[in-house]
Amino acid sequence: MDIRRRFGTNLRRCRLAAGLSQEAVAERMGVDRAHVSSMERGLQNVTLSTLGFVAQALKIDPAALLAPTSETAAEPNAARKVAPRRRRLS
């Protein structure tokens, strides 16, 4: 699972645990609800600033939004996936 989807899954989990709607989180952040929705779906490349704003809106540690969970760690060896090396032709 890529980092955007992990972030989105954790955002949704933390938001629901806090008993907040997407609209409530968006209001606390000063953004549109659609922006929160797209972050939860892993469609946004969030900046560190946005990560901080989300954490502040949810009143949680920013690290919680990036932490692996059983849901986000479903792909074994995901961290080991890299692009294949090009062979050098002599």
PDB file of N, CA and C in Angstrom:
ATOM      1  N   MET A   1       0.851  -1.177   0.000  1.00  0.00           N
ATOM      2  CA  MET A   1       0.000   0.000   0.000  1.00  0.00           C
ATOM      3  C   MET A   1       0.895   1.237   0.000  1.00  0.00           C
ATOM      4  N   ASP A   2       0.581   2.178  -0.853  1.00  0.00           N
ATOM      5  CA  ASP A   2       1.427   3.367  -0.911  1.00  0.00           C
ATOM      6  C   ASP A   2       1.119   4.311   0.255  1.00  0.00           C
ATOM      7  N   ILE A   3       1.993   5.268   0.436  1.00  0.00           N
ATOM      8  CA  ILE A   3       1.919   6.154   1.600  1.00  0.00           C
ATOM      9  C   ILE A   3       0.653   7.009   1.587  1.00  0.00           C
ATOM     10  N   ARG A   4       0.174   7.385   0.393  1.00  0.00           N
ATOM     11  CA  ARG A   4      -1.049   8.194   0.327  1.00  0.00           C
ATOM     12  C   ARG A   4      -2.258   7.399   0.811  1.00  0.00           C
ATOM     13  N   ARG A   5      -2.330   6.138   0.418  1.00  0.00           N
ATOM     14  CA  ARG A   5      -3.451   5.300   0.864  1.00  0.00           C
ATOM     15  C   ARG A   5      -3.342   5.004   2.350  1.00  0.00           C
ATOM     16  N   ARG A   6      -2.110   4.800   2.829  1.00  0.00           N
ATOM     17  CA  ARG A   6      -1.918   4.575   4.270  1.00  0.00           C
ATOM     18  C   ARG A   6      -2.383   5.797   5.051  1.00  0.00           C
ATOM     19  N   PHE A   7      -1.950   6.970   4.602  1.00  0.00           N
ATOM     20  CA  PHE A   7      -2.365   8.215   5.245  1.00  0.00           C
ATOM     21  C   PHE A   7      -3.886   8.334   5.234  1.00  0.00           C
ATOM     22  N   GLY A   8      -4.500   8.087   4.085  1.00  0.00           N
ATOM     23  CA  GLY A   8      -5.949   8.201   3.957  1.00  0.00           C
ATOM     24  C   GLY A   8      -6.702   7.239   4.858  1.00  0.00           C
ATOM     25  N   THR A   9      -6.228   6.000   4.914  1.00  0.00           N
ATOM     26  CA  THR A   9      -6.858   4.996   5.777  1.00  0.00           C
ATOM     27  C   THR A   9      -6.753   5.412   7.240  1.00  0.00           C
ATOM     28  N   ASN A  10      -5.578   5.895   7.629  1.00  0.00           N
ATOM     29  CA  ASN A  10      -5.387   6.338   9.012  1.00  0.00           C
ATOM     30  C   ASN A  10      -6.200   7.594   9.317  1.00  0.00           C
ATOM     31  N   LEU A  11      -6.291   8.497   8.354  1.00  0.00           N
ATOM     32  CA  LEU A  11      -7.100   9.704   8.541  1.00  0.00           C
ATOM     33  C   LEU A  11      -8.551   9.318   8.810  1.00  0.00           C
ATOM     34  N   ARG A  12      -9.085   8.437   7.987  1.00  0.00           N
ATOM     35  CA  ARG A  12     -10.478   8.007   8.168  1.00  0.00           C
ATOM     36  C   ARG A  12     -10.668   7.315   9.522  1.00  0.00           C
ATOM     37  N   ARG A  13      -9.743   6.415   9.864  1.00  0.00           N
ATOM     38  CA  ARG A  13      -9.840   5.685  11.132  1.00  0.00           C
ATOM     39  C   ARG A  13      -9.810   6.651  12.319  1.00  0.00           C
ATOM     40  N   CYS A  14      -8.886   7.590  12.306  1.00  0.00           N
ATOM     41  CA  CYS A  14      -8.761   8.554  13.411  1.00  0.00           C
ATOM     42  C   CYS A  14      -9.947   9.514  13.455  1.00  0.00           C
ATOM     43  N   ARG A  15     -10.424   9.912  12.286  1.00  0.00           N
ATOM     44  CA  ARG A  15     -11.584  10.809  12.228  1.00  0.00           C
ATOM     45  C   ARG A  15     -12.816  10.140  12.835  1.00  0.00           C
ATOM     46  N   LEU A  16     -13.045   8.888  12.444  1.00  0.00           N
ATOM     47  CA  LEU A  16     -14.201   8.161  12.978  1.00  0.00           C
ATOM     48  C   LEU A  16     -14.056   7.906  14.477  1.00  0.00           C
ATOM     49  N   ALA A  17     -12.825   7.601  14.921  1.00  0.00           N
ATOM     50  CA  ALA A  17     -12.583   7.376  16.351  1.00  0.00           C
ATOM     51  C   ALA A  17     -12.858   8.640  17.162  1.00  0.00           C
ATOM     52  N   ALA A  18     -12.616   9.798  16.540  1.00  0.00           N
ATOM     53  CA  ALA A  18     -12.878  11.070  17.217  1.00  0.00           C
ATOM     54  C   ALA A  18     -14.346  11.475  17.116  1.00  0.00           C
ATOM     55  N   GLY A  19     -15.127  10.705  16.360  1.00  0.00           N
ATOM     56  CA  GLY A  19     -16.546  11.007  16.211  1.00  0.00           C
ATOM     57  C   GLY A  19     -16.819  12.222  15.340  1.00  0.00           C
ATOM     58  N   LEU A  20     -15.931  12.463  14.375  1.00  0.00           N
ATOM     59  CA  LEU A  20     -16.065  13.646  13.524  1.00  0.00           C
ATOM     60  C   LEU A  20     -16.470  13.270  12.103  1.00  0.00           C
ATOM     61  N   SER A  21     -17.211  14.156  11.471  1.00  0.00           N
ATOM     62  CA  SER A  21     -17.552  13.982  10.063  1.00  0.00           C
ATOM     63  C   SER A  21     -16.439  14.595   9.210  1.00  0.00           C
ATOM     64  N   GLN A  22     -16.442  14.269   7.932  1.00  0.00           N
ATOM     65  CA  GLN A  22     -15.483  14.900   7.020  1.00  0.00           C
ATOM     66  C   GLN A  22     -15.685  16.411   7.030  1.00  0.00           C
ATOM     67  N   GLU A  23     -16.920  16.829   7.084  1.00  0.00           N
ATOM     68  CA  GLU A  23     -17.230  18.254   7.093  1.00  0.00           C
ATOM     69  C   GLU A  23     -16.658  18.946   8.330  1.00  0.00           C
ATOM     70  N   ALA A  24     -16.753  18.293   9.485  1.00  0.00           N
ATOM     71  CA  ALA A  24     -16.223  18.881  10.719  1.00  0.00           C
ATOM     72  C   ALA A  24     -14.704  19.015  10.654  1.00  0.00           C
ATOM     73  N   VAL A  25     -14.032  17.992  10.123  1.00  0.00           N
ATOM     74  CA  VAL A  25     -12.569  18.055   9.981  1.00  0.00           C
ATOM     75  C   VAL A  25     -12.204  19.157   8.991  1.00  0.00           C
ATOM     76  N   ALA A  26     -12.926  19.223   7.886  1.00  0.00           N
ATOM     77  CA  ALA A  26     -12.664  20.248   6.875  1.00  0.00           C
ATOM     78  C   ALA A  26     -12.825  21.649   7.459  1.00  0.00           C
ATOM     79  N   GLU A  27     -13.858  21.835   8.257  1.00  0.00           N
ATOM     80  CA  GLU A  27     -14.096  23.139   8.878  1.00  0.00           C
ATOM     81  C   GLU A  27     -12.948  23.505   9.815  1.00  0.00           C
ATOM     82  N   ARG A  28     -12.482  22.554  10.598  1.00  0.00           N
ATOM     83  CA  ARG A  28     -11.362  22.807  11.514  1.00  0.00           C
ATOM     84  C   ARG A  28     -10.084  23.150  10.752  1.00  0.00           C
ATOM     85  N   MET A  29      -9.935  22.564   9.559  1.00  0.00           N
ATOM     86  CA  MET A  29      -8.737  22.802   8.754  1.00  0.00           C
ATOM     87  C   MET A  29      -8.858  24.028   7.856  1.00  0.00           C
ATOM     88  N   GLY A  30     -10.090  24.474   7.634  1.00  0.00           N
ATOM     89  CA  GLY A  30     -10.304  25.605   6.734  1.00  0.00           C
ATOM     90  C   GLY A  30     -10.257  25.202   5.266  1.00  0.00           C
ATOM     91  N   VAL A  31     -10.678  23.965   4.978  1.00  0.00           N
ATOM     92  CA  VAL A  31     -10.711  23.473   3.600  1.00  0.00           C
ATOM     93  C   VAL A  31     -12.108  22.940   3.294  1.00  0.00           C
ATOM     94  N   ASP A  32     -12.320  22.559   2.057  1.00  0.00           N
ATOM     95  CA  ASP A  32     -13.596  21.990   1.637  1.00  0.00           C
ATOM     96  C   ASP A  32     -13.681  20.521   2.030  1.00  0.00           C
ATOM     97  N   ARG A  33     -14.893  20.034   2.262  1.00  0.00           N
ATOM     98  CA  ARG A  33     -15.100  18.635   2.615  1.00  0.00           C
ATOM     99  C   ARG A  33     -14.567  17.700   1.535  1.00  0.00           C
ATOM    100  N   ALA A  34     -14.668  18.103   0.278  1.00  0.00           N
ATOM    101  CA  ALA A  34     -14.179  17.269  -0.827  1.00  0.00           C
ATOM    102  C   ALA A  34     -12.669  17.033  -0.719  1.00  0.00           C
ATOM    103  N   HIS A  35     -11.956  18.002  -0.163  1.00  0.00           N
ATOM    104  CA  HIS A  35     -10.506  17.845   0.018  1.00  0.00           C
ATOM    105  C   HIS A  35     -10.210  16.752   1.043  1.00  0.00           C
ATOM    106  N   VAL A  36     -10.955  16.744   2.128  1.00  0.00           N
ATOM    107  CA  VAL A  36     -10.792  15.703   3.148  1.00  0.00           C
ATOM    108  C   VAL A  36     -11.139  14.347   2.543  1.00  0.00           C
ATOM    109  N   SER A  37     -12.205  14.304   1.774  1.00  0.00           N
ATOM    110  CA  SER A  37     -12.614  13.063   1.124  1.00  0.00           C
ATOM    111  C   SER A  37     -11.522  12.533   0.203  1.00  0.00           C
ATOM    112  N   SER A  38     -10.928  13.404  -0.605  1.00  0.00           N
ATOM    113  CA  SER A  38      -9.884  12.941  -1.526  1.00  0.00           C
ATOM    114  C   SER A  38      -8.619  12.514  -0.781  1.00  0.00           C
ATOM    115  N   MET A  39      -8.337  13.139   0.365  1.00  0.00           N
ATOM    116  CA  MET A  39      -7.201  12.685   1.176  1.00  0.00           C
ATOM    117  C   MET A  39      -7.473  11.289   1.716  1.00  0.00           C
ATOM    118  N   GLU A  40      -8.690  11.058   2.192  1.00  0.00           N
ATOM    119  CA  GLU A  40      -9.044   9.741   2.733  1.00  0.00           C
ATOM    120  C   GLU A  40      -8.979   8.648   1.670  1.00  0.00           C
ATOM    121  N   ARG A  41      -9.245   9.010   0.431  1.00  0.00           N
ATOM    122  CA  ARG A  41      -9.203   8.025  -0.653  1.00  0.00           C
ATOM    123  C   ARG A  41      -7.806   7.855  -1.232  1.00  0.00           C
ATOM    124  N   GLY A  42      -6.832   8.584  -0.689  1.00  0.00           N
ATOM    125  CA  GLY A  42      -5.454   8.451  -1.143  1.00  0.00           C
ATOM    126  C   GLY A  42      -5.180   9.126  -2.464  1.00  0.00           C
ATOM    127  N   LEU A  43      -5.965  10.126  -2.806  1.00  0.00           N
ATOM    128  CA  LEU A  43      -5.805  10.807  -4.086  1.00  0.00           C
ATOM    129  C   LEU A  43      -4.946  12.060  -3.997  1.00  0.00           C
ATOM    130  N   GLN A  44      -4.612  12.482  -2.791  1.00  0.00           N
ATOM    131  CA  GLN A  44      -3.848  13.714  -2.581  1.00  0.00           C
ATOM    132  C   GLN A  44      -2.427  13.412  -2.133  1.00  0.00           C
ATOM    133  N   ASN A  45      -1.487  14.143  -2.685  1.00  0.00           N
ATOM    134  CA  ASN A  45      -0.129  14.145  -2.155  1.00  0.00           C
ATOM    135  C   ASN A  45      -0.100  15.242  -1.092  1.00  0.00           C
ATOM    136  N   VAL A  46      -0.191  14.860   0.157  1.00  0.00           N
ATOM    137  CA  VAL A  46      -0.246  15.869   1.214  1.00  0.00           C
ATOM    138  C   VAL A  46       1.155  16.326   1.596  1.00  0.00           C
ATOM    139  N   THR A  47       1.259  17.605   1.898  1.00  0.00           N
ATOM    140  CA  THR A  47       2.527  18.165   2.344  1.00  0.00           C
ATOM    141  C   THR A  47       2.676  17.936   3.843  1.00  0.00           C
ATOM    142  N   LEU A  48       3.856  18.196   4.343  1.00  0.00           N
ATOM    143  CA  LEU A  48       4.065  18.091   5.788  1.00  0.00           C
ATOM    144  C   LEU A  48       3.195  19.100   6.531  1.00  0.00           C
ATOM    145  N   SER A  49       2.998  20.260   5.935  1.00  0.00           N
ATOM    146  CA  SER A  49       2.125  21.261   6.556  1.00  0.00           C
ATOM    147  C   SER A  49       0.703  20.739   6.673  1.00  0.00           C
ATOM    148  N   THR A  50       0.210  20.126   5.594  1.00  0.00           N
ATOM    149  CA  THR A  50      -1.142  19.566   5.619  1.00  0.00           C
ATOM    150  C   THR A  50      -1.235  18.444   6.638  1.00  0.00           C
ATOM    151  N   LEU A  51      -0.207  17.610   6.709  1.00  0.00           N
ATOM    152  CA  LEU A  51      -0.168  16.543   7.713  1.00  0.00           C
ATOM    153  C   LEU A  51      -0.336  17.139   9.107  1.00  0.00           C
ATOM    154  N   GLY A  52       0.364  18.232   9.364  1.00  0.00           N
ATOM    155  CA  GLY A  52       0.257  18.912  10.651  1.00  0.00           C
ATOM    156  C   GLY A  52      -1.125  19.487  10.901  1.00  0.00           C
ATOM    157  N   PHE A  53      -1.731  20.082   9.869  1.00  0.00           N
ATOM    158  CA  PHE A  53      -3.079  20.646  10.011  1.00  0.00           C
ATOM    159  C   PHE A  53      -4.106  19.557  10.301  1.00  0.00           C
ATOM    160  N   VAL A  54      -3.974  18.420   9.619  1.00  0.00           N
ATOM    161  CA  VAL A  54      -4.898  17.305   9.848  1.00  0.00           C
ATOM    162  C   VAL A  54      -4.751  16.801  11.280  1.00  0.00           C
ATOM    163  N   ALA A  55      -3.510  16.602  11.709  1.00  0.00           N
ATOM    164  CA  ALA A  55      -3.264  16.113  13.070  1.00  0.00           C
ATOM    165  C   ALA A  55      -3.815  17.086  14.108  1.00  0.00           C
ATOM    166  N   GLN A  56      -3.627  18.364  13.853  1.00  0.00           N
ATOM    167  CA  GLN A  56      -4.138  19.380  14.780  1.00  0.00           C
ATOM    168  C   GLN A  56      -5.670  19.354  14.811  1.00  0.00           C
ATOM    169  N   ALA A  57      -6.299  19.201  13.651  1.00  0.00           N
ATOM    170  CA  ALA A  57      -7.764  19.149  13.586  1.00  0.00           C
ATOM    171  C   ALA A  57      -8.312  17.948  14.343  1.00  0.00           C
ATOM    172  N   LEU A  58      -7.565  16.835  14.300  1.00  0.00           N
ATOM    173  CA  LEU A  58      -8.002  15.614  14.978  1.00  0.00           C
ATOM    174  C   LEU A  58      -7.474  15.513  16.410  1.00  0.00           C
ATOM    175  N   LYS A  59      -6.583  16.447  16.777  1.00  0.00           N
ATOM    176  CA  LYS A  59      -5.953  16.462  18.102  1.00  0.00           C
ATOM    177  C   LYS A  59      -5.203  15.157  18.375  1.00  0.00           C
ATOM    178  N   ILE A  60      -4.358  14.789  17.396  1.00  0.00           N
ATOM    179  CA  ILE A  60      -3.551  13.574  17.504  1.00  0.00           C
ATOM    180  C   ILE A  60      -2.115  13.882  17.111  1.00  0.00           C
ATOM    181  N   ASP A  61      -1.221  12.949  17.394  1.00  0.00           N
ATOM    182  CA  ASP A  61       0.170  13.045  16.976  1.00  0.00           C
ATOM    183  C   ASP A  61       0.235  12.811  15.467  1.00  0.00           C
ATOM    184  N   PRO A  62       0.942  13.656  14.712  1.00  0.00           N
ATOM    185  CA  PRO A  62       1.034  13.464  13.264  1.00  0.00           C
ATOM    186  C   PRO A  62       1.527  12.071  12.860  1.00  0.00           C
ATOM    187  N   ALA A  63       2.360  11.460  13.679  1.00  0.00           N
ATOM    188  CA  ALA A  63       2.885  10.125  13.364  1.00  0.00           C
ATOM    189  C   ALA A  63       1.771   9.089  13.256  1.00  0.00           C
ATOM    190  N   ALA A  64       0.669   9.309  13.961  1.00  0.00           N
ATOM    191  CA  ALA A  64      -0.451   8.362  13.913  1.00  0.00           C
ATOM    192  C   ALA A  64      -1.050   8.276  12.517  1.00  0.00           C
ATOM    193  N   LEU A  65      -0.892   9.331  11.733  1.00  0.00           N
ATOM    194  CA  LEU A  65      -1.449   9.344  10.383  1.00  0.00           C
ATOM    195  C   LEU A  65      -0.589   8.574   9.385  1.00  0.00           C
ATOM    196  N   LEU A  66       0.628   8.254   9.770  1.00  0.00           N
ATOM    197  CA  LEU A  66       1.529   7.521   8.874  1.00  0.00           C
ATOM    198  C   LEU A  66       1.855   6.121   9.376  1.00  0.00           C
ATOM    199  N   ALA A  67       1.407   5.800  10.571  1.00  0.00           N
ATOM    200  CA  ALA A  67       1.740   4.515  11.192  1.00  0.00           C
ATOM    201  C   ALA A  67       1.092   3.351  10.450  1.00  0.00           C
ATOM    202  N   PRO A  68       1.828   2.250  10.307  1.00  0.00           N
ATOM    203  CA  PRO A  68       1.217   1.064   9.701  1.00  0.00           C
ATOM    204  C   PRO A  68       0.177   0.467  10.642  1.00  0.00           C
ATOM    205  N   THR A  69      -0.887  -0.037  10.071  1.00  0.00           N
ATOM    206  CA  THR A  69      -1.914  -0.738  10.834  1.00  0.00           C
ATOM    207  C   THR A  69      -2.144  -2.073  10.153  1.00  0.00           C
ATOM    208  N   SER A  70      -2.951  -2.910  10.750  1.00  0.00           N
ATOM    209  CA  SER A  70      -3.224  -4.204  10.123  1.00  0.00           C
ATOM    210  C   SER A  70      -3.863  -4.005   8.754  1.00  0.00           C
ATOM    211  N   GLU A  71      -4.643  -2.953   8.618  1.00  0.00           N
ATOM    212  CA  GLU A  71      -5.305  -2.674   7.340  1.00  0.00           C
ATOM    213  C   GLU A  71      -4.323  -2.148   6.295  1.00  0.00           C
ATOM    214  N   THR A  72      -3.374  -1.299   6.733  1.00  0.00           N
ATOM    215  CA  THR A  72      -2.446  -0.700   5.775  1.00  0.00           C
ATOM    216  C   THR A  72      -1.221  -1.560   5.542  1.00  0.00           C
ATOM    217  N   ALA A  73      -0.987  -2.544   6.384  1.00  0.00           N
ATOM    218  CA  ALA A  73       0.184  -3.408   6.231  1.00  0.00           C
ATOM    219  C   ALA A  73      -0.173  -4.706   5.516  1.00  0.00           C
ATOM    220  N   ALA A  74      -1.260  -4.707   4.780  1.00  0.00           N
ATOM    221  CA  ALA A  74      -1.742  -5.925   4.129  1.00  0.00           C
ATOM    222  C   ALA A  74      -0.800  -6.453   3.052  1.00  0.00           C
ATOM    223  N   GLU A  75       0.017  -5.586   2.490  1.00  0.00           N
ATOM    224  CA  GLU A  75       0.945  -6.017   1.452  1.00  0.00           C
ATOM    225  C   GLU A  75       2.276  -6.410   2.074  1.00  0.00           C
ATOM    226  N   PRO A  76       2.592  -7.690   2.150  1.00  0.00           N
ATOM    227  CA  PRO A  76       3.894  -8.071   2.690  1.00  0.00           C
ATOM    228  C   PRO A  76       5.003  -7.600   1.762  1.00  0.00           C
ATOM    229  N   ASN A  77       6.087  -7.192   2.356  1.00  0.00           N
ATOM    230  CA  ASN A  77       7.257  -6.734   1.612  1.00  0.00           C
ATOM    231  C   ASN A  77       6.987  -5.495   0.773  1.00  0.00           C
ATOM    232  N   ALA A  78       5.983  -4.712   1.103  1.00  0.00           N
ATOM    233  CA  ALA A  78       5.666  -3.515   0.328  1.00  0.00           C
ATOM    234  C   ALA A  78       6.848  -2.552   0.311  1.00  0.00           C
ATOM    235  N   ALA A  79       7.572  -2.489   1.412  1.00  0.00           N
ATOM    236  CA  ALA A  79       8.712  -1.585   1.475  1.00  0.00           C
ATOM    237  C   ALA A  79       9.856  -2.053   0.589  1.00  0.00           C
ATOM    238  N   ARG A  80       9.861  -3.318   0.239  1.00  0.00           N
ATOM    239  CA  ARG A  80      10.956  -3.858  -0.554  1.00  0.00           C
ATOM    240  C   ARG A  80      10.724  -3.722  -2.052  1.00  0.00           C
ATOM    241  N   LYS A  81       9.528  -3.295  -2.454  1.00  0.00           N
ATOM    242  CA  LYS A  81       9.241  -3.155  -3.872  1.00  0.00           C
ATOM    243  C   LYS A  81       9.994  -1.952  -4.423  1.00  0.00           C
ATOM    244  N   VAL A  82      10.840  -2.197  -5.368  1.00  0.00           N
ATOM    245  CA  VAL A  82      11.589  -1.130  -6.019  1.00  0.00           C
ATOM    246  C   VAL A  82      11.581  -1.380  -7.514  1.00  0.00           C
ATOM    247  N   ALA A  83      11.902  -0.349  -8.248  1.00  0.00           N
ATOM    248  CA  ALA A  83      11.961  -0.496  -9.699  1.00  0.00           C
ATOM    249  C   ALA A  83      13.121  -1.418 -10.064  1.00  0.00           C
ATOM    250  N   PRO A  84      12.942  -2.229 -11.089  1.00  0.00           N
ATOM    251  CA  PRO A  84      14.029  -3.116 -11.494  1.00  0.00           C
ATOM    252  C   PRO A  84      15.216  -2.311 -12.004  1.00  0.00           C
ATOM    253  N   ARG A  85      16.398  -2.821 -11.759  1.00  0.00           N
ATOM    254  CA  ARG A  85      17.615  -2.152 -12.208  1.00  0.00           C
ATOM    255  C   ARG A  85      17.814  -2.411 -13.692  1.00  0.00           C
ATOM    256  N   ARG A  86      18.307  -1.416 -14.362  1.00  0.00           N
ATOM    257  CA  ARG A  86      18.605  -1.576 -15.780  1.00  0.00           C
ATOM    258  C   ARG A  86      19.933  -2.292 -15.930  1.00  0.00           C
ATOM    259  N   ARG A  87      19.966  -3.168 -16.879  1.00  0.00           N
ATOM    260  CA  ARG A  87      21.216  -3.876 -17.151  1.00  0.00           C
ATOM    261  C   ARG A  87      22.079  -3.033 -18.070  1.00  0.00           C
ATOM    262  N   ARG A  88      23.321  -3.071 -17.797  1.00  0.00           N
ATOM    263  CA  ARG A  88      24.272  -2.338 -18.618  1.00  0.00           C
ATOM    264  C   ARG A  88      24.742  -3.255 -19.737  1.00  0.00           C
ATOM    265  N   LEU A  89      24.566  -2.804 -20.946  1.00  0.00           N
ATOM    266  CA  LEU A  89      25.028  -3.583 -22.093  1.00  0.00           C
ATOM    267  C   LEU A  89      26.457  -3.190 -22.415  1.00  0.00           C
ATOM    268  N   SER A  90      27.321  -4.177 -22.506  1.00  0.00           N
ATOM    269  CA  SER A  90      28.736  -3.882 -22.776  1.00  0.00           C
ATOM    270  C   SER A  90      29.062  -4.047 -24.228  1.00  0.00           C
TER     271      SER A  90
END
